[in-house]
Amino acid sequence: MTWNTQMNDTTPASTVSAAVRKYDRLSLNIAVRVFFGGRFTNGRGHDVGAGGMAIYVPLELAIGTVVNISFQLPYSRMAFGVRAIVRNNNGFRYGVEFVDLTPSEAEEIERITSILKLTS
């Protein structure tokens, strides 16, 4: 697992509605590990898509905060280790946007979400 380390984001932090998302998201309930401030905590991931996901973690994260997230999707052998920016929050639920996914990471997320949509 490798971490994407480059970040070139100049987009202001804002709440993104489902109507303006570039990528479809699929409602899942997966284990995530969030790394922030030299520590990590376990949480849950939901609404996964190639552009980002929703995470539930017992942390106080400000909008615009950069975190690293590790997770594995069902039916995938790929272990993800990605950088993400907190774009919105509601309590301990955070909407995060993935930063600099590799083409293979984005392709694998899209492949898995397509498979799971067919089975749901």
PDB file of N, CA and C in Angstrom:
ATOM      1  N   MET A   1       0.852  -1.162   0.000  1.00  0.00           N
ATOM      2  CA  MET A   1       0.000   0.000   0.000  1.00  0.00           C
ATOM      3  C   MET A   1       0.898   1.225   0.000  1.00  0.00           C
ATOM      4  N   THR A   2       0.609   2.172  -0.887  1.00  0.00           N
ATOM      5  CA  THR A   2       1.387   3.409  -0.926  1.00  0.00           C
ATOM      6  C   THR A   2       0.450   4.583  -0.739  1.00  0.00           C
ATOM      7  N   TRP A   3       0.990   5.650  -0.202  1.00  0.00           N
ATOM      8  CA  TRP A   3       0.199   6.864  -0.011  1.00  0.00           C
ATOM      9  C   TRP A   3       0.477   7.813  -1.147  1.00  0.00           C
ATOM     10  N   ASN A   4      -0.565   8.399  -1.710  1.00  0.00           N
ATOM     11  CA  ASN A   4      -0.388   9.467  -2.680  1.00  0.00           C
ATOM     12  C   ASN A   4       0.074  10.687  -1.908  1.00  0.00           C
ATOM     13  N   THR A   5       1.135  11.354  -2.386  1.00  0.00           N
ATOM     14  CA  THR A   5       1.710  12.421  -1.588  1.00  0.00           C
ATOM     15  C   THR A   5       1.561  13.801  -2.204  1.00  0.00           C
ATOM     16  N   GLN A   6       1.196  13.908  -3.451  1.00  0.00           N
ATOM     17  CA  GLN A   6       1.062  15.225  -4.050  1.00  0.00           C
ATOM     18  C   GLN A   6      -0.339  15.769  -3.823  1.00  0.00           C
ATOM     19  N   MET A   7      -0.424  17.073  -3.618  1.00  0.00           N
ATOM     20  CA  MET A   7      -1.721  17.697  -3.447  1.00  0.00           C
ATOM     21  C   MET A   7      -1.695  19.061  -4.112  1.00  0.00           C
ATOM     22  N   ASN A   8      -2.551  19.266  -5.102  1.00  0.00           N
ATOM     23  CA  ASN A   8      -2.643  20.531  -5.819  1.00  0.00           C
ATOM     24  C   ASN A   8      -4.090  20.994  -5.826  1.00  0.00           C
ATOM     25  N   ASP A   9      -4.662  21.180  -4.685  1.00  0.00           N
ATOM     26  CA  ASP A   9      -6.079  21.520  -4.592  1.00  0.00           C
ATOM     27  C   ASP A   9      -6.245  22.993  -4.295  1.00  0.00           C
ATOM     28  N   THR A  10      -6.932  23.684  -5.188  1.00  0.00           N
ATOM     29  CA  THR A  10      -7.209  25.097  -4.963  1.00  0.00           C
ATOM     30  C   THR A  10      -8.703  25.351  -4.863  1.00  0.00           C
ATOM     31  N   THR A  11      -9.480  24.288  -4.881  1.00  0.00           N
ATOM     32  CA  THR A  11     -10.922  24.409  -4.777  1.00  0.00           C
ATOM     33  C   THR A  11     -11.320  24.777  -3.365  1.00  0.00           C
ATOM     34  N   PRO A  12     -12.159  25.812  -3.188  1.00  0.00           N
ATOM     35  CA  PRO A  12     -12.594  26.132  -1.827  1.00  0.00           C
ATOM     36  C   PRO A  12     -13.434  25.008  -1.251  1.00  0.00           C
ATOM     37  N   ALA A  13     -13.290  24.821   0.049  1.00  0.00           N
ATOM     38  CA  ALA A  13     -14.086  23.789   0.718  1.00  0.00           C
ATOM     39  C   ALA A  13     -15.550  24.176   0.648  1.00  0.00           C
ATOM     40  N   SER A  14     -16.378  23.233   0.245  1.00  0.00           N
ATOM     41  CA  SER A  14     -17.812  23.499   0.172  1.00  0.00           C
ATOM     42  C   SER A  14     -18.566  22.192   0.269  1.00  0.00           C
ATOM     43  N   THR A  15     -19.819  22.290   0.573  1.00  0.00           N
ATOM     44  CA  THR A  15     -20.670  21.122   0.632  1.00  0.00           C
ATOM     45  C   THR A  15     -21.037  20.732  -0.786  1.00  0.00           C
ATOM     46  N   VAL A  16     -20.872  19.443  -1.094  1.00  0.00           N
ATOM     47  CA  VAL A  16     -21.167  18.945  -2.429  1.00  0.00           C
ATOM     48  C   VAL A  16     -22.416  18.094  -2.353  1.00  0.00           C
ATOM     49  N   SER A  17     -23.406  18.437  -3.130  1.00  0.00           N
ATOM     50  CA  SER A  17     -24.632  17.636  -3.134  1.00  0.00           C
ATOM     51  C   SER A  17     -24.500  16.513  -4.137  1.00  0.00           C
ATOM     52  N   ALA A  18     -25.324  15.502  -3.985  1.00  0.00           N
ATOM     53  CA  ALA A  18     -25.295  14.357  -4.890  1.00  0.00           C
ATOM     54  C   ALA A  18     -25.584  14.784  -6.325  1.00  0.00           C
ATOM     55  N   ALA A  19     -26.325  15.871  -6.513  1.00  0.00           N
ATOM     56  CA  ALA A  19     -26.686  16.322  -7.848  1.00  0.00           C
ATOM     57  C   ALA A  19     -25.493  16.832  -8.636  1.00  0.00           C
ATOM     58  N   VAL A  20     -24.435  17.277  -7.991  1.00  0.00           N
ATOM     59  CA  VAL A  20     -23.292  17.826  -8.710  1.00  0.00           C
ATOM     60  C   VAL A  20     -22.055  16.929  -8.636  1.00  0.00           C
ATOM     61  N   ARG A  21     -22.159  15.737  -8.123  1.00  0.00           N
ATOM     62  CA  ARG A  21     -21.023  14.824  -8.054  1.00  0.00           C
ATOM     63  C   ARG A  21     -20.625  14.359  -9.440  1.00  0.00           C
ATOM     64  N   LYS A  22     -19.320  14.215  -9.651  1.00  0.00           N
ATOM     65  CA  LYS A  22     -18.805  13.701 -10.921  1.00  0.00           C
ATOM     66  C   LYS A  22     -18.916  12.185 -10.994  1.00  0.00           C
ATOM     67  N   TYR A  23     -18.916  11.522  -9.844  1.00  0.00           N
ATOM     68  CA  TYR A  23     -18.876  10.061  -9.793  1.00  0.00           C
ATOM     69  C   TYR A  23     -20.061   9.541  -9.002  1.00  0.00           C
ATOM     70  N   ASP A  24     -20.581   8.410  -9.458  1.00  0.00           N
ATOM     71  CA  ASP A  24     -21.617   7.732  -8.690  1.00  0.00           C
ATOM     72  C   ASP A  24     -21.019   7.214  -7.397  1.00  0.00           C
ATOM     73  N   ARG A  25     -21.827   7.167  -6.364  1.00  0.00           N
ATOM     74  CA  ARG A  25     -21.400   6.579  -5.097  1.00  0.00           C
ATOM     75  C   ARG A  25     -22.330   5.427  -4.766  1.00  0.00           C
ATOM     76  N   LEU A  26     -21.754   4.456  -4.082  1.00  0.00           N
ATOM     77  CA  LEU A  26     -22.510   3.284  -3.702  1.00  0.00           C
ATOM     78  C   LEU A  26     -22.546   3.190  -2.192  1.00  0.00           C
ATOM     79  N   SER A  27     -23.715   2.930  -1.654  1.00  0.00           N
ATOM     80  CA  SER A  27     -23.866   2.821  -0.214  1.00  0.00           C
ATOM     81  C   SER A  27     -23.257   1.511   0.272  1.00  0.00           C
ATOM     82  N   LEU A  28     -22.162   1.612   1.010  1.00  0.00           N
ATOM     83  CA  LEU A  28     -21.468   0.472   1.590  1.00  0.00           C
ATOM     84  C   LEU A  28     -21.260   0.729   3.065  1.00  0.00           C
ATOM     85  N   ASN A  29     -20.842  -0.292   3.778  1.00  0.00           N
ATOM     86  CA  ASN A  29     -20.461  -0.160   5.178  1.00  0.00           C
ATOM     87  C   ASN A  29     -19.157  -0.939   5.336  1.00  0.00           C
ATOM     88  N   ILE A  30     -18.025  -0.224   5.253  1.00  0.00           N
ATOM     89  CA  ILE A  30     -16.720  -0.879   5.279  1.00  0.00           C
ATOM     90  C   ILE A  30     -15.857  -0.300   6.393  1.00  0.00           C
ATOM     91  N   ALA A  31     -14.895  -1.080   6.841  1.00  0.00           N
ATOM     92  CA  ALA A  31     -13.931  -0.607   7.839  1.00  0.00           C
ATOM     93  C   ALA A  31     -12.940   0.336   7.174  1.00  0.00           C
ATOM     94  N   VAL A  32     -12.617   1.429   7.873  1.00  0.00           N
ATOM     95  CA  VAL A  32     -11.589   2.355   7.409  1.00  0.00           C
ATOM     96  C   VAL A  32     -10.651   2.647   8.568  1.00  0.00           C
ATOM     97  N   ARG A  33      -9.449   3.033   8.232  1.00  0.00           N
ATOM     98  CA  ARG A  33      -8.499   3.519   9.220  1.00  0.00           C
ATOM     99  C   ARG A  33      -8.079   4.905   8.742  1.00  0.00           C
ATOM    100  N   VAL A  34      -8.242   5.907   9.609  1.00  0.00           N
ATOM    101  CA  VAL A  34      -7.946   7.290   9.252  1.00  0.00           C
ATOM    102  C   VAL A  34      -6.705   7.740  10.011  1.00  0.00           C
ATOM    103  N   PHE A  35      -5.721   8.231   9.266  1.00  0.00           N
ATOM    104  CA  PHE A  35      -4.465   8.712   9.826  1.00  0.00           C
ATOM    105  C   PHE A  35      -4.480  10.231   9.797  1.00  0.00           C
ATOM    106  N   PHE A  36      -4.236  10.841  10.972  1.00  0.00           N
ATOM    107  CA  PHE A  36      -4.271  12.299  11.081  1.00  0.00           C
ATOM    108  C   PHE A  36      -3.446  12.714  12.289  1.00  0.00           C
ATOM    109  N   GLY A  37      -2.583  13.697  12.100  1.00  0.00           N
ATOM    110  CA  GLY A  37      -1.809  14.231  13.221  1.00  0.00           C
ATOM    111  C   GLY A  37      -0.871  13.224  13.863  1.00  0.00           C
ATOM    112  N   GLY A  38      -0.293  12.321  13.074  1.00  0.00           N
ATOM    113  CA  GLY A  38       0.627  11.339  13.619  1.00  0.00           C
ATOM    114  C   GLY A  38      -0.035  10.178  14.339  1.00  0.00           C
ATOM    115  N   ARG A  39      -1.354  10.119  14.308  1.00  0.00           N
ATOM    116  CA  ARG A  39      -2.112   9.037  14.957  1.00  0.00           C
ATOM    117  C   ARG A  39      -3.074   8.431  13.946  1.00  0.00           C
ATOM    118  N   PHE A  40      -3.701   7.349  14.346  1.00  0.00           N
ATOM    119  CA  PHE A  40      -4.768   6.796  13.521  1.00  0.00           C
ATOM    120  C   PHE A  40      -5.927   6.391  14.403  1.00  0.00           C
ATOM    121  N   THR A  41      -7.085   6.312  13.781  1.00  0.00           N
ATOM    122  CA  THR A  41      -8.268   5.807  14.464  1.00  0.00           C
ATOM    123  C   THR A  41      -9.073   4.985  13.473  1.00  0.00           C
ATOM    124  N   ASN A  42      -9.811   4.023  13.985  1.00  0.00           N
ATOM    125  CA  ASN A  42     -10.669   3.192  13.145  1.00  0.00           C
ATOM    126  C   ASN A  42     -12.033   3.830  13.034  1.00  0.00           C
ATOM    127  N   GLY A  43     -12.678   3.586  11.901  1.00  0.00           N
ATOM    128  CA  GLY A  43     -14.011   4.120  11.664  1.00  0.00           C
ATOM    129  C   GLY A  43     -14.722   3.290  10.622  1.00  0.00           C
ATOM    130  N   ARG A  44     -15.761   3.848  10.059  1.00  0.00           N
ATOM    131  CA  ARG A  44     -16.562   3.175   9.037  1.00  0.00           C
ATOM    132  C   ARG A  44     -16.636   4.066   7.811  1.00  0.00           C
ATOM    133  N   GLY A  45     -16.670   3.434   6.651  1.00  0.00           N
ATOM    134  CA  GLY A  45     -16.803   4.143   5.387  1.00  0.00           C
ATOM    135  C   GLY A  45     -18.129   3.818   4.729  1.00  0.00           C
ATOM    136  N   HIS A  46     -18.723   4.820   4.110  1.00  0.00           N
ATOM    137  CA  HIS A  46     -20.021   4.684   3.441  1.00  0.00           C
ATOM    138  C   HIS A  46     -19.993   5.502   2.159  1.00  0.00           C
ATOM    139  N   ASP A  47     -20.959   5.288   1.294  1.00  0.00           N
ATOM    140  CA  ASP A  47     -21.136   6.097   0.086  1.00  0.00           C
ATOM    141  C   ASP A  47     -19.822   6.262  -0.672  1.00  0.00           C
ATOM    142  N   VAL A  48     -19.278   5.151  -1.138  1.00  0.00           N
ATOM    143  CA  VAL A  48     -17.974   5.139  -1.792  1.00  0.00           C
ATOM    144  C   VAL A  48     -18.119   5.353  -3.293  1.00  0.00           C
ATOM    145  N   GLY A  49     -17.259   6.209  -3.832  1.00  0.00           N
ATOM    146  CA  GLY A  49     -17.169   6.419  -5.271  1.00  0.00           C
ATOM    147  C   GLY A  49     -15.748   6.803  -5.628  1.00  0.00           C
ATOM    148  N   ALA A  50     -15.439   6.889  -6.911  1.00  0.00           N
ATOM    149  CA  ALA A  50     -14.075   7.207  -7.344  1.00  0.00           C
ATOM    150  C   ALA A  50     -13.649   8.611  -6.926  1.00  0.00           C
ATOM    151  N   GLY A  51     -14.600   9.462  -6.580  1.00  0.00           N
ATOM    152  CA  GLY A  51     -14.263  10.820  -6.167  1.00  0.00           C
ATOM    153  C   GLY A  51     -14.104  11.008  -4.669  1.00  0.00           C
ATOM    154  N   GLY A  52     -14.622  10.061  -3.879  1.00  0.00           N
ATOM    155  CA  GLY A  52     -14.535  10.217  -2.433  1.00  0.00           C
ATOM    156  C   GLY A  52     -15.456   9.257  -1.719  1.00  0.00           C
ATOM    157  N   MET A  53     -15.676   9.557  -0.442  1.00  0.00           N
ATOM    158  CA  MET A  53     -16.542   8.709   0.367  1.00  0.00           C
ATOM    159  C   MET A  53     -16.998   9.470   1.605  1.00  0.00           C
ATOM    160  N   ALA A  54     -17.931   8.895   2.302  1.00  0.00           N
ATOM    161  CA  ALA A  54     -18.326   9.399   3.616  1.00  0.00           C
ATOM    162  C   ALA A  54     -17.652   8.512   4.649  1.00  0.00           C
ATOM    163  N   ILE A  55     -17.115   9.130   5.697  1.00  0.00           N
ATOM    164  CA  ILE A  55     -16.494   8.360   6.771  1.00  0.00           C
ATOM    165  C   ILE A  55     -17.090   8.781   8.103  1.00  0.00           C
ATOM    166  N   TYR A  56     -17.202   7.825   8.989  1.00  0.00           N
ATOM    167  CA  TYR A  56     -17.629   8.076  10.369  1.00  0.00           C
ATOM    168  C   TYR A  56     -16.438   7.755  11.257  1.00  0.00           C
ATOM    169  N   VAL A  57     -15.867   8.770  11.901  1.00  0.00           N
ATOM    170  CA  VAL A  57     -14.717   8.568  12.783  1.00  0.00           C
ATOM    171  C   VAL A  57     -14.849   9.464  14.008  1.00  0.00           C
ATOM    172  N   PRO A  58     -14.389   8.993  15.176  1.00  0.00           N
ATOM    173  CA  PRO A  58     -14.467   9.806  16.396  1.00  0.00           C
ATOM    174  C   PRO A  58     -13.322  10.813  16.471  1.00  0.00           C
ATOM    175  N   LEU A  59     -13.285  11.710  15.497  1.00  0.00           N
ATOM    176  CA  LEU A  59     -12.281  12.773  15.439  1.00  0.00           C
ATOM    177  C   LEU A  59     -12.985  14.090  15.154  1.00  0.00           C
ATOM    178  N   GLU A  60     -12.368  15.169  15.561  1.00  0.00           N
ATOM    179  CA  GLU A  60     -12.864  16.480  15.168  1.00  0.00           C
ATOM    180  C   GLU A  60     -11.979  16.984  14.048  1.00  0.00           C
ATOM    181  N   LEU A  61     -12.524  16.978  12.828  1.00  0.00           N
ATOM    182  CA  LEU A  61     -11.779  17.371  11.643  1.00  0.00           C
ATOM    183  C   LEU A  61     -12.435  18.597  11.022  1.00  0.00           C
ATOM    184  N   ALA A  62     -11.653  19.620  10.779  1.00  0.00           N
ATOM    185  CA  ALA A  62     -12.163  20.839  10.153  1.00  0.00           C
ATOM    186  C   ALA A  62     -12.257  20.628   8.641  1.00  0.00           C
ATOM    187  N   ILE A  63     -13.182  21.338   8.025  1.00  0.00           N
ATOM    188  CA  ILE A  63     -13.272  21.321   6.571  1.00  0.00           C
ATOM    189  C   ILE A  63     -11.943  21.827   6.010  1.00  0.00           C
ATOM    190  N   GLY A  64     -11.430  21.109   5.009  1.00  0.00           N
ATOM    191  CA  GLY A  64     -10.139  21.440   4.415  1.00  0.00           C
ATOM    192  C   GLY A  64      -8.984  20.626   4.972  1.00  0.00           C
ATOM    193  N   THR A  65      -9.224  19.870   6.045  1.00  0.00           N
ATOM    194  CA  THR A  65      -8.187  19.040   6.644  1.00  0.00           C
ATOM    195  C   THR A  65      -7.825  17.896   5.689  1.00  0.00           C
ATOM    196  N   VAL A  66      -6.533  17.606   5.584  1.00  0.00           N
ATOM    197  CA  VAL A  66      -6.061  16.491   4.769  1.00  0.00           C
ATOM    198  C   VAL A  66      -5.798  15.297   5.683  1.00  0.00           C
ATOM    199  N   VAL A  67      -6.346  14.147   5.310  1.00  0.00           N
ATOM    200  CA  VAL A  67      -6.160  12.908   6.061  1.00  0.00           C
ATOM    201  C   VAL A  67      -5.719  11.813   5.096  1.00  0.00           C
ATOM    202  N   ASN A  68      -5.157  10.756   5.632  1.00  0.00           N
ATOM    203  CA  ASN A  68      -4.881   9.533   4.876  1.00  0.00           C
ATOM    204  C   ASN A  68      -5.872   8.485   5.342  1.00  0.00           C
ATOM    205  N   ILE A  69      -6.400   7.735   4.398  1.00  0.00           N
ATOM    206  CA  ILE A  69      -7.407   6.721   4.710  1.00  0.00           C
ATOM    207  C   ILE A  69      -6.988   5.401   4.091  1.00  0.00           C
ATOM    208  N   SER A  70      -7.036   4.346   4.873  1.00  0.00           N
ATOM    209  CA  SER A  70      -6.804   3.010   4.316  1.00  0.00           C
ATOM    210  C   SER A  70      -8.098   2.215   4.426  1.00  0.00           C
ATOM    211  N   PHE A  71      -8.370   1.412   3.391  1.00  0.00           N
ATOM    212  CA  PHE A  71      -9.578   0.600   3.359  1.00  0.00           C
ATOM    213  C   PHE A  71      -9.447  -0.451   2.270  1.00  0.00           C
ATOM    214  N   GLN A  72     -10.336  -1.412   2.304  1.00  0.00           N
ATOM    215  CA  GLN A  72     -10.426  -2.411   1.253  1.00  0.00           C
ATOM    216  C   GLN A  72     -11.891  -2.575   0.904  1.00  0.00           C
ATOM    217  N   LEU A  73     -12.158  -2.657  -0.384  1.00  0.00           N
ATOM    218  CA  LEU A  73     -13.530  -2.808  -0.848  1.00  0.00           C
ATOM    219  C   LEU A  73     -13.885  -4.284  -0.966  1.00  0.00           C
ATOM    220  N   PRO A  74     -15.171  -4.611  -0.820  1.00  0.00           N
ATOM    221  CA  PRO A  74     -15.591  -5.998  -1.016  1.00  0.00           C
ATOM    222  C   PRO A  74     -15.253  -6.446  -2.443  1.00  0.00           C
ATOM    223  N   TYR A  75     -14.894  -7.693  -2.622  1.00  0.00           N
ATOM    224  CA  TYR A  75     -14.591  -8.290  -3.926  1.00  0.00           C
ATOM    225  C   TYR A  75     -13.350  -7.693  -4.590  1.00  0.00           C
ATOM    226  N   SER A  76     -12.520  -7.035  -3.822  1.00  0.00           N
ATOM    227  CA  SER A  76     -11.292  -6.458  -4.368  1.00  0.00           C
ATOM    228  C   SER A  76     -10.096  -6.951  -3.562  1.00  0.00           C
ATOM    229  N   ARG A  77      -8.998  -7.186  -4.253  1.00  0.00           N
ATOM    230  CA  ARG A  77      -7.764  -7.566  -3.572  1.00  0.00           C
ATOM    231  C   ARG A  77      -6.888  -6.352  -3.309  1.00  0.00           C
ATOM    232  N   MET A  78      -7.280  -5.202  -3.854  1.00  0.00           N
ATOM    233  CA  MET A  78      -6.478  -3.997  -3.710  1.00  0.00           C
ATOM    234  C   MET A  78      -6.698  -3.372  -2.333  1.00  0.00           C
ATOM    235  N   ALA A  79      -5.606  -3.113  -1.631  1.00  0.00           N
ATOM    236  CA  ALA A  79      -5.680  -2.371  -0.371  1.00  0.00           C
ATOM    237  C   ALA A  79      -5.412  -0.905  -0.707  1.00  0.00           C
ATOM    238  N   PHE A  80      -6.353  -0.058  -0.379  1.00  0.00           N
ATOM    239  CA  PHE A  80      -6.238   1.358  -0.710  1.00  0.00           C
ATOM    240  C   PHE A  80      -5.578   2.115   0.430  1.00  0.00           C
ATOM    241  N   GLY A  81      -4.706   3.032   0.084  1.00  0.00           N
ATOM    242  CA  GLY A  81      -4.111   3.980   1.010  1.00  0.00           C
ATOM    243  C   GLY A  81      -4.111   5.323   0.303  1.00  0.00           C
ATOM    244  N   VAL A  82      -5.099   6.158   0.581  1.00  0.00           N
ATOM    245  CA  VAL A  82      -5.301   7.379  -0.200  1.00  0.00           C
ATOM    246  C   VAL A  82      -5.300   8.622   0.681  1.00  0.00           C
ATOM    247  N   ARG A  83      -4.952   9.739   0.071  1.00  0.00           N
ATOM    248  CA  ARG A  83      -5.082  11.040   0.721  1.00  0.00           C
ATOM    249  C   ARG A  83      -6.460  11.579   0.383  1.00  0.00           C
ATOM    250  N   ALA A  84      -7.040  12.305   1.326  1.00  0.00           N
ATOM    251  CA  ALA A  84      -8.369  12.869   1.103  1.00  0.00           C
ATOM    252  C   ALA A  84      -8.485  14.198   1.846  1.00  0.00           C
ATOM    253  N   ILE A  85      -9.353  15.045   1.332  1.00  0.00           N
ATOM    254  CA  ILE A  85      -9.626  16.348   1.935  1.00  0.00           C
ATOM    255  C   ILE A  85     -11.048  16.337   2.477  1.00  0.00           C
ATOM    256  N   VAL A  86     -11.220  16.763   3.702  1.00  0.00           N
ATOM    257  CA  VAL A  86     -12.554  16.870   4.294  1.00  0.00           C
ATOM    258  C   VAL A  86     -13.290  18.019   3.597  1.00  0.00           C
ATOM    259  N   ARG A  87     -14.416  17.704   2.995  1.00  0.00           N
ATOM    260  CA  ARG A  87     -15.206  18.713   2.263  1.00  0.00           C
ATOM    261  C   ARG A  87     -16.453  19.147   3.021  1.00  0.00           C
ATOM    262  N   ASN A  88     -16.992  18.278   3.869  1.00  0.00           N
ATOM    263  CA  ASN A  88     -18.159  18.660   4.671  1.00  0.00           C
ATOM    264  C   ASN A  88     -18.244  17.742   5.872  1.00  0.00           C
ATOM    265  N   ASN A  89     -19.037  18.145   6.833  1.00  0.00           N
ATOM    266  CA  ASN A  89     -19.211  17.306   8.017  1.00  0.00           C
ATOM    267  C   ASN A  89     -20.572  17.541   8.645  1.00  0.00           C
ATOM    268  N   ASN A  90     -20.982  16.514   9.393  1.00  0.00           N
ATOM    269  CA  ASN A  90     -22.209  16.558  10.174  1.00  0.00           C
ATOM    270  C   ASN A  90     -21.940  15.682  11.394  1.00  0.00           C
ATOM    271  N   GLY A  91     -21.540  16.310  12.487  1.00  0.00           N
ATOM    272  CA  GLY A  91     -21.120  15.548  13.656  1.00  0.00           C
ATOM    273  C   GLY A  91     -19.820  14.843  13.346  1.00  0.00           C
ATOM    274  N   PHE A  92     -19.802  13.519  13.530  1.00  0.00           N
ATOM    275  CA  PHE A  92     -18.606  12.733  13.228  1.00  0.00           C
ATOM    276  C   PHE A  92     -18.692  12.058  11.863  1.00  0.00           C
ATOM    277  N   ARG A  93     -19.610  12.510  11.035  1.00  0.00           N
ATOM    278  CA  ARG A  93     -19.712  12.026   9.647  1.00  0.00           C
ATOM    279  C   ARG A  93     -19.050  13.068   8.757  1.00  0.00           C
ATOM    280  N   TYR A  94     -18.071  12.623   7.980  1.00  0.00           N
ATOM    281  CA  TYR A  94     -17.318  13.531   7.122  1.00  0.00           C
ATOM    282  C   TYR A  94     -17.408  13.082   5.675  1.00  0.00           C
ATOM    283  N   GLY A  95     -17.643  14.031   4.785  1.00  0.00           N
ATOM    284  CA  GLY A  95     -17.546  13.779   3.353  1.00  0.00           C
ATOM    285  C   GLY A  95     -16.139  14.138   2.931  1.00  0.00           C
ATOM    286  N   VAL A  96     -15.419  13.180   2.350  1.00  0.00           N
ATOM    287  CA  VAL A  96     -14.045  13.434   1.941  1.00  0.00           C
ATOM    288  C   VAL A  96     -13.899  13.227   0.439  1.00  0.00           C
ATOM    289  N   GLU A  97     -13.036  14.038  -0.136  1.00  0.00           N
ATOM    290  CA  GLU A  97     -12.714  13.941  -1.554  1.00  0.00           C
ATOM    291  C   GLU A  97     -11.325  13.338  -1.682  1.00  0.00           C
ATOM    292  N   PHE A  98     -11.212  12.281  -2.495  1.00  0.00           N
ATOM    293  CA  PHE A  98      -9.905  11.674  -2.703  1.00  0.00           C
ATOM    294  C   PHE A  98      -9.014  12.618  -3.500  1.00  0.00           C
ATOM    295  N   VAL A  99      -7.724  12.598  -3.179  1.00  0.00           N
ATOM    296  CA  VAL A  99      -6.738  13.451  -3.849  1.00  0.00           C
ATOM    297  C   VAL A  99      -5.747  12.560  -4.585  1.00  0.00           C
ATOM    298  N   ASP A 100      -5.550  12.823  -5.849  1.00  0.00           N
ATOM    299  CA  ASP A 100      -4.529  12.150  -6.655  1.00  0.00           C
ATOM    300  C   ASP A 100      -4.612  10.631  -6.634  1.00  0.00           C
ATOM    301  N   LEU A 101      -5.814  10.083  -6.837  1.00  0.00           N
ATOM    302  CA  LEU A 101      -5.903   8.638  -7.006  1.00  0.00           C
ATOM    303  C   LEU A 101      -5.105   8.243  -8.243  1.00  0.00           C
ATOM    304  N   THR A 102      -4.461   7.102  -8.179  1.00  0.00           N
ATOM    305  CA  THR A 102      -3.808   6.595  -9.382  1.00  0.00           C
ATOM    306  C   THR A 102      -4.894   6.108 -10.334  1.00  0.00           C
ATOM    307  N   PRO A 103      -4.589   6.024 -11.619  1.00  0.00           N
ATOM    308  CA  PRO A 103      -5.599   5.491 -12.551  1.00  0.00           C
ATOM    309  C   PRO A 103      -6.075   4.095 -12.164  1.00  0.00           C
ATOM    310  N   SER A 104      -5.176   3.254 -11.652  1.00  0.00           N
ATOM    311  CA  SER A 104      -5.603   1.905 -11.265  1.00  0.00           C
ATOM    312  C   SER A 104      -6.509   1.928 -10.041  1.00  0.00           C
ATOM    313  N   GLU A 105      -6.266   2.843  -9.104  1.00  0.00           N
ATOM    314  CA  GLU A 105      -7.142   2.962  -7.935  1.00  0.00           C
ATOM    315  C   GLU A 105      -8.538   3.423  -8.356  1.00  0.00           C
ATOM    316  N   ALA A 106      -8.603   4.459  -9.196  1.00  0.00           N
ATOM    317  CA  ALA A 106      -9.908   4.962  -9.648  1.00  0.00           C
ATOM    318  C   ALA A 106     -10.650   3.892 -10.441  1.00  0.00           C
ATOM    319  N   GLU A 107      -9.923   3.168 -11.293  1.00  0.00           N
ATOM    320  CA  GLU A 107     -10.536   2.106 -12.087  1.00  0.00           C
ATOM    321  C   GLU A 107     -11.076   0.985 -11.198  1.00  0.00           C
ATOM    322  N   GLU A 108     -10.330   0.630 -10.171  1.00  0.00           N
ATOM    323  CA  GLU A 108     -10.775  -0.441  -9.270  1.00  0.00           C
ATOM    324  C   GLU A 108     -12.014  -0.008  -8.475  1.00  0.00           C
ATOM    325  N   ILE A 109     -12.052   1.218  -8.007  1.00  0.00           N
ATOM    326  CA  ILE A 109     -13.240   1.698  -7.289  1.00  0.00           C
ATOM    327  C   ILE A 109     -14.445   1.683  -8.220  1.00  0.00           C
ATOM    328  N   GLU A 110     -14.269   2.170  -9.447  1.00  0.00           N
ATOM    329  CA  GLU A 110     -15.379   2.168 -10.401  1.00  0.00           C
ATOM    330  C   GLU A 110     -15.817   0.747 -10.747  1.00  0.00           C
ATOM    331  N   ARG A 111     -14.855  -0.177 -10.888  1.00  0.00           N
ATOM    332  CA  ARG A 111     -15.177  -1.570 -11.193  1.00  0.00           C
ATOM    333  C   ARG A 111     -16.007  -2.199 -10.072  1.00  0.00           C
ATOM    334  N   ILE A 112     -15.564  -1.996  -8.832  1.00  0.00           N
ATOM    335  CA  ILE A 112     -16.266  -2.592  -7.695  1.00  0.00           C
ATOM    336  C   ILE A 112     -17.641  -1.964  -7.500  1.00  0.00           C
ATOM    337  N   THR A 113     -17.752  -0.652  -7.631  1.00  0.00           N
ATOM    338  CA  THR A 113     -19.068  -0.025  -7.462  1.00  0.00           C
ATOM    339  C   THR A 113     -20.023  -0.482  -8.557  1.00  0.00           C
ATOM    340  N   SER A 114     -19.521  -0.694  -9.776  1.00  0.00           N
ATOM    341  CA  SER A 114     -20.372  -1.195 -10.861  1.00  0.00           C
ATOM    342  C   SER A 114     -20.865  -2.602 -10.566  1.00  0.00           C
ATOM    343  N   ILE A 115     -19.981  -3.467 -10.068  1.00  0.00           N
ATOM    344  CA  ILE A 115     -20.366  -4.838  -9.729  1.00  0.00           C
ATOM    345  C   ILE A 115     -21.413  -4.820  -8.617  1.00  0.00           C
ATOM    346  N   LEU A 116     -21.175  -4.029  -7.591  1.00  0.00           N
ATOM    347  CA  LEU A 116     -22.100  -4.020  -6.447  1.00  0.00           C
ATOM    348  C   LEU A 116     -23.447  -3.409  -6.802  1.00  0.00           C
ATOM    349  N   LYS A 117     -23.476  -2.468  -7.736  1.00  0.00           N
ATOM    350  CA  LYS A 117     -24.764  -1.916  -8.178  1.00  0.00           C
ATOM    351  C   LYS A 117     -25.611  -2.994  -8.857  1.00  0.00           C
ATOM    352  N   LEU A 118     -24.942  -3.881  -9.588  1.00  0.00           N
ATOM    353  CA  LEU A 118     -25.665  -4.958 -10.277  1.00  0.00           C
ATOM    354  C   LEU A 118     -26.262  -5.966  -9.300  1.00  0.00           C
ATOM    355  N   THR A 119     -25.603  -6.126  -8.159  1.00  0.00           N
ATOM    356  CA  THR A 119     -26.065  -7.118  -7.190  1.00  0.00           C
ATOM    357  C   THR A 119     -27.022  -6.555  -6.142  1.00  0.00           C
ATOM    358  N   SER A 120     -27.205  -5.236  -6.139  1.00  0.00           N
ATOM    359  CA  SER A 120     -28.089  -4.648  -5.106  1.00  0.00           C
ATOM    360  C   SER A 120     -29.476  -4.390  -5.624  1.00  0.00           C
TER     361      SER A 120
END
